Amino acid sequence: MIDDEQSILDLVSGYLRQEGCEVHTAVDGPSGLKATRAFRPDLLPLDIMLPGMDGRELVGRLRREPEVYAILLTAPSACTTSGSCRISPPRTRERSAADLS
């Protein structure tokens, strides 16, 4: 998981660990890309707005490599007017874990 907000890293990675997932974290784009290449996760939750390299660029680079399923975590202010991202209503921990299974 890649996010520069420690509280979000703690919250989401905590949920994933409770569900039995192995979680590695990074706080910026370059270290996140390096960690993703090293650990080859099945799922990569990441923020769009990251220091050093934003989430869109990071996903673009990963698309050229073996499959990694990336989920961009975003705030409404990061969305474009063309609707390039969608904000879902808040979910319970149980519902989010079920979506990942």
PDB file of N, CA and C in Angstrom:
ATOM      1  N   MET A   1       0.848  -1.166   0.000  1.00  0.00           N
ATOM      2  CA  MET A   1       0.000   0.000   0.000  1.00  0.00           C
ATOM      3  C   MET A   1       0.891   1.225   0.000  1.00  0.00           C
ATOM      4  N   ILE A   2       0.483   2.215  -0.800  1.00  0.00           N
ATOM      5  CA  ILE A   2       1.287   3.434  -0.910  1.00  0.00           C
ATOM      6  C   ILE A   2       0.398   4.635  -0.615  1.00  0.00           C
ATOM      7  N   ASP A   3       0.757   5.364   0.431  1.00  0.00           N
ATOM      8  CA  ASP A   3       0.033   6.584   0.785  1.00  0.00           C
ATOM      9  C   ASP A   3       0.941   7.436   1.662  1.00  0.00           C
ATOM     10  N   ASP A   4       0.909   8.749   1.466  1.00  0.00           N
ATOM     11  CA  ASP A   4       1.743   9.630   2.275  1.00  0.00           C
ATOM     12  C   ASP A   4       1.065  10.067   3.570  1.00  0.00           C
ATOM     13  N   GLU A   5      -0.172   9.672   3.772  1.00  0.00           N
ATOM     14  CA  GLU A   5      -0.891   9.973   5.017  1.00  0.00           C
ATOM     15  C   GLU A   5      -0.802   8.751   5.937  1.00  0.00           C
ATOM     16  N   GLN A   6      -0.049   8.891   7.017  1.00  0.00           N
ATOM     17  CA  GLN A   6       0.179   7.757   7.911  1.00  0.00           C
ATOM     18  C   GLN A   6      -1.118   7.201   8.489  1.00  0.00           C
ATOM     19  N   SER A   7      -2.083   8.073   8.781  1.00  0.00           N
ATOM     20  CA  SER A   7      -3.340   7.588   9.367  1.00  0.00           C
ATOM     21  C   SER A   7      -4.089   6.687   8.378  1.00  0.00           C
ATOM     22  N   ILE A   8      -4.053   7.018   7.097  1.00  0.00           N
ATOM     23  CA  ILE A   8      -4.711   6.179   6.085  1.00  0.00           C
ATOM     24  C   ILE A   8      -3.950   4.871   5.920  1.00  0.00           C
ATOM     25  N   LEU A   9      -2.618   4.951   5.888  1.00  0.00           N
ATOM     26  CA  LEU A   9      -1.805   3.724   5.818  1.00  0.00           C
ATOM     27  C   LEU A   9      -2.142   2.792   6.971  1.00  0.00           C
ATOM     28  N   ASP A  10      -2.189   3.352   8.175  1.00  0.00           N
ATOM     29  CA  ASP A  10      -2.468   2.535   9.361  1.00  0.00           C
ATOM     30  C   ASP A  10      -3.861   1.911   9.293  1.00  0.00           C
ATOM     31  N   LEU A  11      -4.851   2.690   8.908  1.00  0.00           N
ATOM     32  CA  LEU A  11      -6.228   2.217   8.869  1.00  0.00           C
ATOM     33  C   LEU A  11      -6.417   1.096   7.841  1.00  0.00           C
ATOM     34  N   VAL A  12      -6.064   1.365   6.588  1.00  0.00           N
ATOM     35  CA  VAL A  12      -6.305   0.392   5.525  1.00  0.00           C
ATOM     36  C   VAL A  12      -5.409  -0.836   5.677  1.00  0.00           C
ATOM     37  N   SER A  13      -4.132  -0.639   5.984  1.00  0.00           N
ATOM     38  CA  SER A  13      -3.253  -1.800   6.150  1.00  0.00           C
ATOM     39  C   SER A  13      -3.667  -2.616   7.374  1.00  0.00           C
ATOM     40  N   GLY A  14      -4.195  -1.959   8.401  1.00  0.00           N
ATOM     41  CA  GLY A  14      -4.704  -2.685   9.575  1.00  0.00           C
ATOM     42  C   GLY A  14      -5.873  -3.582   9.216  1.00  0.00           C
ATOM     43  N   TYR A  15      -6.815  -3.055   8.420  1.00  0.00           N
ATOM     44  CA  TYR A  15      -7.948  -3.868   7.955  1.00  0.00           C
ATOM     45  C   TYR A  15      -7.457  -5.065   7.146  1.00  0.00           C
ATOM     46  N   LEU A  16      -6.536  -4.817   6.241  1.00  0.00           N
ATOM     47  CA  LEU A  16      -6.035  -5.903   5.394  1.00  0.00           C
ATOM     48  C   LEU A  16      -5.302  -6.966   6.215  1.00  0.00           C
ATOM     49  N   ARG A  17      -4.514  -6.536   7.177  1.00  0.00           N
ATOM     50  CA  ARG A  17      -3.802  -7.504   8.036  1.00  0.00           C
ATOM     51  C   ARG A  17      -4.779  -8.334   8.860  1.00  0.00           C
ATOM     52  N   GLN A  18      -5.847  -7.695   9.361  1.00  0.00           N
ATOM     53  CA  GLN A  18      -6.863  -8.438  10.124  1.00  0.00           C
ATOM     54  C   GLN A  18      -7.520  -9.512   9.264  1.00  0.00           C
ATOM     55  N   GLU A  19      -7.546  -9.303   7.970  1.00  0.00           N
ATOM     56  CA  GLU A  19      -8.133 -10.280   7.052  1.00  0.00           C
ATOM     57  C   GLU A  19      -7.106 -11.303   6.577  1.00  0.00           C
ATOM     58  N   GLY A  20      -5.892 -11.241   7.143  1.00  0.00           N
ATOM     59  CA  GLY A  20      -4.874 -12.234   6.818  1.00  0.00           C
ATOM     60  C   GLY A  20      -3.951 -11.877   5.667  1.00  0.00           C
ATOM     61  N   CYS A  21      -4.016 -10.641   5.203  1.00  0.00           N
ATOM     62  CA  CYS A  21      -3.159 -10.221   4.094  1.00  0.00           C
ATOM     63  C   CYS A  21      -1.777  -9.817   4.604  1.00  0.00           C
ATOM     64  N   GLU A  22      -0.758 -10.103   3.812  1.00  0.00           N
ATOM     65  CA  GLU A  22       0.582  -9.589   4.073  1.00  0.00           C
ATOM     66  C   GLU A  22       0.634  -8.191   3.468  1.00  0.00           C
ATOM     67  N   VAL A  23       1.024  -7.199   4.244  1.00  0.00           N
ATOM     68  CA  VAL A  23       0.979  -5.810   3.779  1.00  0.00           C
ATOM     69  C   VAL A  23       2.364  -5.179   3.899  1.00  0.00           C
ATOM     70  N   HIS A  24       2.802  -4.569   2.806  1.00  0.00           N
ATOM     71  CA  HIS A  24       4.011  -3.753   2.790  1.00  0.00           C
ATOM     72  C   HIS A  24       3.556  -2.332   2.481  1.00  0.00           C
ATOM     73  N   THR A  25       4.212  -1.346   3.070  1.00  0.00           N
ATOM     74  CA  THR A  25       3.783   0.035   2.866  1.00  0.00           C
ATOM     75  C   THR A  25       4.942   0.906   2.380  1.00  0.00           C
ATOM     76  N   ALA A  26       4.567   1.983   1.719  1.00  0.00           N
ATOM     77  CA  ALA A  26       5.517   3.013   1.291  1.00  0.00           C
ATOM     78  C   ALA A  26       4.797   4.353   1.378  1.00  0.00           C
ATOM     79  N   VAL A  27       5.568   5.437   1.509  1.00  0.00           N
ATOM     80  CA  VAL A  27       4.969   6.756   1.719  1.00  0.00           C
ATOM     81  C   VAL A  27       5.170   7.725   0.566  1.00  0.00           C
ATOM     82  N   ASP A  28       5.792   7.290  -0.527  1.00  0.00           N
ATOM     83  CA  ASP A  28       5.940   8.150  -1.696  1.00  0.00           C
ATOM     84  C   ASP A  28       6.008   7.292  -2.955  1.00  0.00           C
ATOM     85  N   GLY A  29       5.890   7.941  -4.099  1.00  0.00           N
ATOM     86  CA  GLY A  29       5.866   7.218  -5.360  1.00  0.00           C
ATOM     87  C   GLY A  29       7.117   6.411  -5.664  1.00  0.00           C
ATOM     88  N   PRO A  30       8.316   7.019  -5.598  1.00  0.00           N
ATOM     89  CA  PRO A  30       9.515   6.258  -5.929  1.00  0.00           C
ATOM     90  C   PRO A  30       9.753   5.045  -5.022  1.00  0.00           C
ATOM     91  N   SER A  31       9.581   5.202  -3.718  1.00  0.00           N
ATOM     92  CA  SER A  31       9.787   4.045  -2.829  1.00  0.00           C
ATOM     93  C   SER A  31       8.666   3.027  -3.005  1.00  0.00           C
ATOM     94  N   GLY A  32       7.465   3.501  -3.354  1.00  0.00           N
ATOM     95  CA  GLY A  32       6.363   2.587  -3.622  1.00  0.00           C
ATOM     96  C   GLY A  32       6.603   1.748  -4.864  1.00  0.00           C
ATOM     97  N   LEU A  33       7.139   2.372  -5.909  1.00  0.00           N
ATOM     98  CA  LEU A  33       7.460   1.640  -7.139  1.00  0.00           C
ATOM     99  C   LEU A  33       8.527   0.593  -6.866  1.00  0.00           C
ATOM    100  N   LYS A  34       9.540   0.978  -6.121  1.00  0.00           N
ATOM    101  CA  LYS A  34      10.628   0.042  -5.780  1.00  0.00           C
ATOM    102  C   LYS A  34      10.084  -1.136  -4.960  1.00  0.00           C
ATOM    103  N   ALA A  35       9.246  -0.842  -3.963  1.00  0.00           N
ATOM    104  CA  ALA A  35       8.676  -1.901  -3.125  1.00  0.00           C
ATOM    105  C   ALA A  35       7.755  -2.819  -3.938  1.00  0.00           C
ATOM    106  N   THR A  36       6.979  -2.233  -4.852  1.00  0.00           N
ATOM    107  CA  THR A  36       6.073  -3.029  -5.678  1.00  0.00           C
ATOM    108  C   THR A  36       6.857  -3.976  -6.569  1.00  0.00           C
ATOM    109  N   ARG A  37       7.943  -3.502  -7.125  1.00  0.00           N
ATOM    110  CA  ARG A  37       8.791  -4.366  -7.963  1.00  0.00           C
ATOM    111  C   ARG A  37       9.437  -5.478  -7.139  1.00  0.00           C
ATOM    112  N   ALA A  38       9.784  -5.173  -5.891  1.00  0.00           N
ATOM    113  CA  ALA A  38      10.441  -6.170  -5.035  1.00  0.00           C
ATOM    114  C   ALA A  38       9.471  -7.224  -4.512  1.00  0.00           C
ATOM    115  N   PHE A  39       8.270  -6.802  -4.108  1.00  0.00           N
ATOM    116  CA  PHE A  39       7.348  -7.726  -3.436  1.00  0.00           C
ATOM    117  C   PHE A  39       6.271  -8.308  -4.349  1.00  0.00           C
ATOM    118  N   ARG A  40       6.036  -7.716  -5.519  1.00  0.00           N
ATOM    119  CA  ARG A  40       5.033  -8.211  -6.473  1.00  0.00           C
ATOM    120  C   ARG A  40       3.692  -8.521  -5.807  1.00  0.00           C
ATOM    121  N   PRO A  41       3.012  -7.500  -5.280  1.00  0.00           N
ATOM    122  CA  PRO A  41       1.747  -7.749  -4.582  1.00  0.00           C
ATOM    123  C   PRO A  41       0.634  -8.178  -5.542  1.00  0.00           C
ATOM    124  N   ASP A  42      -0.339  -8.896  -5.008  1.00  0.00           N
ATOM    125  CA  ASP A  42      -1.527  -9.253  -5.777  1.00  0.00           C
ATOM    126  C   ASP A  42      -2.455  -8.049  -5.920  1.00  0.00           C
ATOM    127  N   LEU A  43      -2.400  -7.160  -4.953  1.00  0.00           N
ATOM    128  CA  LEU A  43      -3.274  -5.993  -4.896  1.00  0.00           C
ATOM    129  C   LEU A  43      -2.455  -4.810  -4.412  1.00  0.00           C
ATOM    130  N   LEU A  44      -2.631  -3.653  -5.031  1.00  0.00           N
ATOM    131  CA  LEU A  44      -1.873  -2.463  -4.645  1.00  0.00           C
ATOM    132  C   LEU A  44      -2.791  -1.271  -4.445  1.00  0.00           C
ATOM    133  N   PRO A  45      -3.260  -1.045  -3.205  1.00  0.00           N
ATOM    134  CA  PRO A  45      -3.994   0.191  -2.932  1.00  0.00           C
ATOM    135  C   PRO A  45      -2.986   1.349  -2.875  1.00  0.00           C
ATOM    136  N   LEU A  46      -3.270   2.435  -3.598  1.00  0.00           N
ATOM    137  CA  LEU A  46      -2.365   3.566  -3.551  1.00  0.00           C
ATOM    138  C   LEU A  46      -3.115   4.872  -3.747  1.00  0.00           C
ATOM    139  N   ASP A  47      -2.519   5.921  -3.222  1.00  0.00           N
ATOM    140  CA  ASP A  47      -3.054   7.271  -3.310  1.00  0.00           C
ATOM    141  C   ASP A  47      -2.725   7.850  -4.684  1.00  0.00           C
ATOM    142  N   ILE A  48      -3.547   8.745  -5.167  1.00  0.00           N
ATOM    143  CA  ILE A  48      -3.241   9.438  -6.424  1.00  0.00           C
ATOM    144  C   ILE A  48      -2.195  10.515  -6.183  1.00  0.00           C
ATOM    145  N   MET A  49      -2.357  11.260  -5.093  1.00  0.00           N
ATOM    146  CA  MET A  49      -1.478  12.395  -4.833  1.00  0.00           C
ATOM    147  C   MET A  49      -0.350  11.970  -3.900  1.00  0.00           C
ATOM    148  N   LEU A  50       0.782  11.574  -4.499  1.00  0.00           N
ATOM    149  CA  LEU A  50       1.948  11.110  -3.749  1.00  0.00           C
ATOM    150  C   LEU A  50       3.131  12.027  -4.024  1.00  0.00           C
ATOM    151  N   PRO A  51       4.009  12.208  -3.042  1.00  0.00           N
ATOM    152  CA  PRO A  51       5.227  12.974  -3.311  1.00  0.00           C
ATOM    153  C   PRO A  51       6.196  12.163  -4.183  1.00  0.00           C
ATOM    154  N   GLY A  52       6.930  12.867  -5.023  1.00  0.00           N
ATOM    155  CA  GLY A  52       7.969  12.228  -5.826  1.00  0.00           C
ATOM    156  C   GLY A  52       7.484  11.663  -7.149  1.00  0.00           C
ATOM    157  N   MET A  53       6.303  11.078  -7.172  1.00  0.00           N
ATOM    158  CA  MET A  53       5.695  10.511  -8.377  1.00  0.00           C
ATOM    159  C   MET A  53       4.246  10.245  -8.018  1.00  0.00           C
ATOM    160  N   ASP A  54       3.311  10.817  -8.771  1.00  0.00           N
ATOM    161  CA  ASP A  54       1.915  10.621  -8.381  1.00  0.00           C
ATOM    162  C   ASP A  54       1.426   9.222  -8.748  1.00  0.00           C
ATOM    163  N   GLY A  55       0.276   8.871  -8.211  1.00  0.00           N
ATOM    164  CA  GLY A  55      -0.266   7.530  -8.389  1.00  0.00           C
ATOM    165  C   GLY A  55      -0.544   7.182  -9.833  1.00  0.00           C
ATOM    166  N   ARG A  56      -0.971   8.163 -10.619  1.00  0.00           N
ATOM    167  CA  ARG A  56      -1.249   7.888 -12.036  1.00  0.00           C
ATOM    168  C   ARG A  56       0.030   7.505 -12.783  1.00  0.00           C
ATOM    169  N   GLU A  57       1.103   8.235 -12.533  1.00  0.00           N
ATOM    170  CA  GLU A  57       2.383   7.912 -13.180  1.00  0.00           C
ATOM    171  C   GLU A  57       2.876   6.548 -12.722  1.00  0.00           C
ATOM    172  N   LEU A  58       2.753   6.276 -11.430  1.00  0.00           N
ATOM    173  CA  LEU A  58       3.189   4.991 -10.895  1.00  0.00           C
ATOM    174  C   LEU A  58       2.426   3.840 -11.558  1.00  0.00           C
ATOM    175  N   VAL A  59       1.115   3.972 -11.679  1.00  0.00           N
ATOM    176  CA  VAL A  59       0.300   2.936 -12.321  1.00  0.00           C
ATOM    177  C   VAL A  59       0.706   2.803 -13.791  1.00  0.00           C
ATOM    178  N   GLY A  60       0.977   3.920 -14.454  1.00  0.00           N
ATOM    179  CA  GLY A  60       1.424   3.874 -15.841  1.00  0.00           C
ATOM    180  C   GLY A  60       2.704   3.081 -15.998  1.00  0.00           C
ATOM    181  N   ARG A  61       3.625   3.250 -15.085  1.00  0.00           N
ATOM    182  CA  ARG A  61       4.884   2.487 -15.138  1.00  0.00           C
ATOM    183  C   ARG A  61       4.643   1.006 -14.853  1.00  0.00           C
ATOM    184  N   LEU A  62       3.757   0.721 -13.924  1.00  0.00           N
ATOM    185  CA  LEU A  62       3.482  -0.678 -13.580  1.00  0.00           C
ATOM    186  C   LEU A  62       2.750  -1.412 -14.701  1.00  0.00           C
ATOM    187  N   ARG A  63       2.023  -0.694 -15.529  1.00  0.00           N
ATOM    188  CA  ARG A  63       1.297  -1.341 -16.632  1.00  0.00           C
ATOM    189  C   ARG A  63       2.249  -2.002 -17.623  1.00  0.00           C
ATOM    190  N   ARG A  64       3.483  -1.562 -17.648  1.00  0.00           N
ATOM    191  CA  ARG A  64       4.484  -2.139 -18.557  1.00  0.00           C
ATOM    192  C   ARG A  64       5.140  -3.382 -17.962  1.00  0.00           C
ATOM    193  N   GLU A  65       4.772  -3.736 -16.761  1.00  0.00           N
ATOM    194  CA  GLU A  65       5.388  -4.853 -16.054  1.00  0.00           C
ATOM    195  C   GLU A  65       4.346  -5.942 -15.799  1.00  0.00           C
ATOM    196  N   PRO A  66       4.777  -7.098 -15.244  1.00  0.00           N
ATOM    197  CA  PRO A  66       3.801  -8.153 -14.943  1.00  0.00           C
ATOM    198  C   PRO A  66       2.641  -7.626 -14.104  1.00  0.00           C
ATOM    199  N   GLU A  67       1.529  -8.297 -14.199  1.00  0.00           N
ATOM    200  CA  GLU A  67       0.274  -7.832 -13.601  1.00  0.00           C
ATOM    201  C   GLU A  67       0.358  -7.481 -12.123  1.00  0.00           C
ATOM    202  N   VAL A  68      -0.125  -6.315 -11.825  1.00  0.00           N
ATOM    203  CA  VAL A  68      -0.390  -5.863 -10.463  1.00  0.00           C
ATOM    204  C   VAL A  68      -1.739  -5.174 -10.528  1.00  0.00           C
ATOM    205  N   TYR A  69      -2.672  -5.561  -9.679  1.00  0.00           N
ATOM    206  CA  TYR A  69      -3.986  -4.936  -9.652  1.00  0.00           C
ATOM    207  C   TYR A  69      -3.915  -3.735  -8.722  1.00  0.00           C
ATOM    208  N   ALA A  70      -3.992  -2.542  -9.283  1.00  0.00           N
ATOM    209  CA  ALA A  70      -3.870  -1.315  -8.495  1.00  0.00           C
ATOM    210  C   ALA A  70      -5.237  -0.701  -8.256  1.00  0.00           C
ATOM    211  N   ILE A  71      -5.454  -0.233  -7.031  1.00  0.00           N
ATOM    212  CA  ILE A  71      -6.662   0.488  -6.660  1.00  0.00           C
ATOM    213  C   ILE A  71      -6.223   1.879  -6.229  1.00  0.00           C
ATOM    214  N   LEU A  72      -6.648   2.900  -6.968  1.00  0.00           N
ATOM    215  CA  LEU A  72      -6.299   4.270  -6.609  1.00  0.00           C
ATOM    216  C   LEU A  72      -7.246   4.783  -5.540  1.00  0.00           C
ATOM    217  N   LEU A  73      -6.686   5.204  -4.427  1.00  0.00           N
ATOM    218  CA  LEU A  73      -7.451   5.812  -3.341  1.00  0.00           C
ATOM    219  C   LEU A  73      -7.379   7.314  -3.548  1.00  0.00           C
ATOM    220  N   THR A  74      -8.532   7.974  -3.553  1.00  0.00           N
ATOM    221  CA  THR A  74      -8.530   9.383  -3.902  1.00  0.00           C
ATOM    222  C   THR A  74      -9.511  10.180  -3.059  1.00  0.00           C
ATOM    223  N   ALA A  75      -9.332  11.469  -3.114  1.00  0.00           N
ATOM    224  CA  ALA A  75     -10.273  12.399  -2.487  1.00  0.00           C
ATOM    225  C   ALA A  75     -11.044  13.086  -3.608  1.00  0.00           C
ATOM    226  N   PRO A  76     -12.250  13.575  -3.350  1.00  0.00           N
ATOM    227  CA  PRO A  76     -13.026  14.230  -4.412  1.00  0.00           C
ATOM    228  C   PRO A  76     -12.263  15.337  -5.128  1.00  0.00           C
ATOM    229  N   SER A  77     -11.406  16.053  -4.449  1.00  0.00           N
ATOM    230  CA  SER A  77     -10.673  17.148  -5.089  1.00  0.00           C
ATOM    231  C   SER A  77      -9.664  16.639  -6.112  1.00  0.00           C
ATOM    232  N   ALA A  78      -9.322  15.358  -6.070  1.00  0.00           N
ATOM    233  CA  ALA A  78      -8.360  14.803  -7.018  1.00  0.00           C
ATOM    234  C   ALA A  78      -9.029  14.324  -8.301  1.00  0.00           C
ATOM    235  N   CYS A  79     -10.345  14.319  -8.354  1.00  0.00           N
ATOM    236  CA  CYS A  79     -11.068  13.847  -9.536  1.00  0.00           C
ATOM    237  C   CYS A  79     -11.138  14.938 -10.588  1.00  0.00           C
ATOM    238  N   THR A  80     -11.202  14.504 -11.828  1.00  0.00           N
ATOM    239  CA  THR A  80     -11.342  15.463 -12.914  1.00  0.00           C
ATOM    240  C   THR A  80     -12.813  15.655 -13.233  1.00  0.00           C
ATOM    241  N   THR A  81     -13.127  16.716 -13.933  1.00  0.00           N
ATOM    242  CA  THR A  81     -14.513  16.972 -14.297  1.00  0.00           C
ATOM    243  C   THR A  81     -15.024  15.962 -15.320  1.00  0.00           C
ATOM    244  N   SER A  82     -14.118  15.258 -15.997  1.00  0.00           N
ATOM    245  CA  SER A  82     -14.544  14.252 -16.967  1.00  0.00           C
ATOM    246  C   SER A  82     -14.980  12.955 -16.299  1.00  0.00           C
ATOM    247  N   GLY A  83     -14.852  12.885 -14.967  1.00  0.00           N
ATOM    248  CA  GLY A  83     -15.285  11.683 -14.250  1.00  0.00           C
ATOM    249  C   GLY A  83     -14.275  10.561 -14.313  1.00  0.00           C
ATOM    250  N   SER A  84     -12.981  10.901 -14.373  1.00  0.00           N
ATOM    251  CA  SER A  84     -11.965   9.864 -14.500  1.00  0.00           C
ATOM    252  C   SER A  84     -11.777   9.068 -13.212  1.00  0.00           C
ATOM    253  N   CYS A  85     -12.407   9.461 -12.152  1.00  0.00           N
ATOM    254  CA  CYS A  85     -12.396   8.648 -10.939  1.00  0.00           C
ATOM    255  C   CYS A  85     -13.780   8.715 -10.318  1.00  0.00           C
ATOM    256  N   ARG A  86     -14.091   7.730  -9.560  1.00  0.00           N
ATOM    257  CA  ARG A  86     -15.403   7.659  -8.932  1.00  0.00           C
ATOM    258  C   ARG A  86     -15.209   7.487  -7.430  1.00  0.00           C
ATOM    259  N   ILE A  87     -16.051   8.153  -6.679  1.00  0.00           N
ATOM    260  CA  ILE A  87     -16.006   8.057  -5.222  1.00  0.00           C
ATOM    261  C   ILE A  87     -17.170   7.189  -4.766  1.00  0.00           C
ATOM    262  N   SER A  88     -16.858   6.125  -4.083  1.00  0.00           N
ATOM    263  CA  SER A  88     -17.895   5.244  -3.559  1.00  0.00           C
ATOM    264  C   SER A  88     -18.289   5.700  -2.171  1.00  0.00           C
ATOM    265  N   PRO A  89     -19.498   5.379  -1.743  1.00  0.00           N
ATOM    266  CA  PRO A  89     -19.877   5.716  -0.375  1.00  0.00           C
ATOM    267  C   PRO A  89     -19.016   4.944   0.611  1.00  0.00           C
ATOM    268  N   PRO A  90     -18.892   5.439   1.837  1.00  0.00           N
ATOM    269  CA  PRO A  90     -18.091   4.725   2.832  1.00  0.00           C
ATOM    270  C   PRO A  90     -18.573   3.287   2.989  1.00  0.00           C
ATOM    271  N   ARG A  91     -17.640   2.403   3.226  1.00  0.00           N
ATOM    272  CA  ARG A  91     -17.962   0.984   3.373  1.00  0.00           C
ATOM    273  C   ARG A  91     -17.569   0.516   4.767  1.00  0.00           C
ATOM    274  N   THR A  92     -18.209  -0.525   5.187  1.00  0.00           N
ATOM    275  CA  THR A  92     -17.808  -1.135   6.445  1.00  0.00           C
ATOM    276  C   THR A  92     -16.553  -1.955   6.199  1.00  0.00           C
ATOM    277  N   ARG A  93     -15.819  -2.261   7.239  1.00  0.00           N
ATOM    278  CA  ARG A  93     -14.634  -3.095   7.107  1.00  0.00           C
ATOM    279  C   ARG A  93     -14.985  -4.445   6.512  1.00  0.00           C
ATOM    280  N   GLU A  94     -16.111  -5.013   6.931  1.00  0.00           N
ATOM    281  CA  GLU A  94     -16.517  -6.335   6.451  1.00  0.00           C
ATOM    282  C   GLU A  94     -16.804  -6.281   4.954  1.00  0.00           C
ATOM    283  N   ARG A  95     -17.491  -5.243   4.491  1.00  0.00           N
ATOM    284  CA  ARG A  95     -17.833  -5.122   3.073  1.00  0.00           C
ATOM    285  C   ARG A  95     -16.587  -4.922   2.234  1.00  0.00           C
ATOM    286  N   SER A  96     -15.651  -4.095   2.690  1.00  0.00           N
ATOM    287  CA  SER A  96     -14.418  -3.861   1.949  1.00  0.00           C
ATOM    288  C   SER A  96     -13.597  -5.143   1.850  1.00  0.00           C
ATOM    289  N   ALA A  97     -13.514  -5.892   2.935  1.00  0.00           N
ATOM    290  CA  ALA A  97     -12.777  -7.148   2.923  1.00  0.00           C
ATOM    291  C   ALA A  97     -13.431  -8.148   1.975  1.00  0.00           C
ATOM    292  N   ALA A  98     -14.764  -8.167   1.947  1.00  0.00           N
ATOM    293  CA  ALA A  98     -15.466  -9.083   1.043  1.00  0.00           C
ATOM    294  C   ALA A  98     -15.195  -8.717  -0.403  1.00  0.00           C
ATOM    295  N   ASP A  99     -15.100  -7.435  -0.719  1.00  0.00           N
ATOM    296  CA  ASP A  99     -14.798  -7.006  -2.081  1.00  0.00           C
ATOM    297  C   ASP A  99     -13.403  -7.440  -2.516  1.00  0.00           C
ATOM    298  N   LEU A 100     -12.489  -7.558  -1.580  1.00  0.00           N
ATOM    299  CA  LEU A 100     -11.115  -7.930  -1.899  1.00  0.00           C
ATOM    300  C   LEU A 100     -10.941  -9.442  -2.005  1.00  0.00           C
ATOM    301  N   SER A 101     -11.911 -10.220  -1.526  1.00  0.00           N
ATOM    302  CA  SER A 101     -11.774 -11.674  -1.563  1.00  0.00           C
ATOM    303  C   SER A 101     -12.070 -12.220  -2.933  1.00  0.00           C
TER     304      SER A 101
END
